[in-house]
């Protein structure tokens, strides 16, 4: 258990020291629809769920969509395609709303 925690701490430290800059933001000076995802993932890995949602509200729904897709591909769920479709729609809606709100309010 302690080796897992040590490995997780190393991963988090590596991610924090290798954050990618956003070309969209550097070229246009505006946040892109994905800005905040890296910080959100790091906060989630640290166990800070509230901070993760504040940084990028769509991270968890996007992760759920990927997990549902993987489960459907492996187990061929009867209504799996519908679950994925609805999860995708929810995720994209959250990304779009978050992007528009951040643009309007000028939040970085």
Foldseek 3Di string as FASTA:
>chain_A
DVVVVVVLVVVLVVLVVDPDDDPCCVVVVADDLCFQQSVLVSCVSVVNNVSSCVSAVLNVLVVVLVVLVVCCVVPVDPCSVVVNVVSVVVSVVSSVVVRVVCVVVVPD
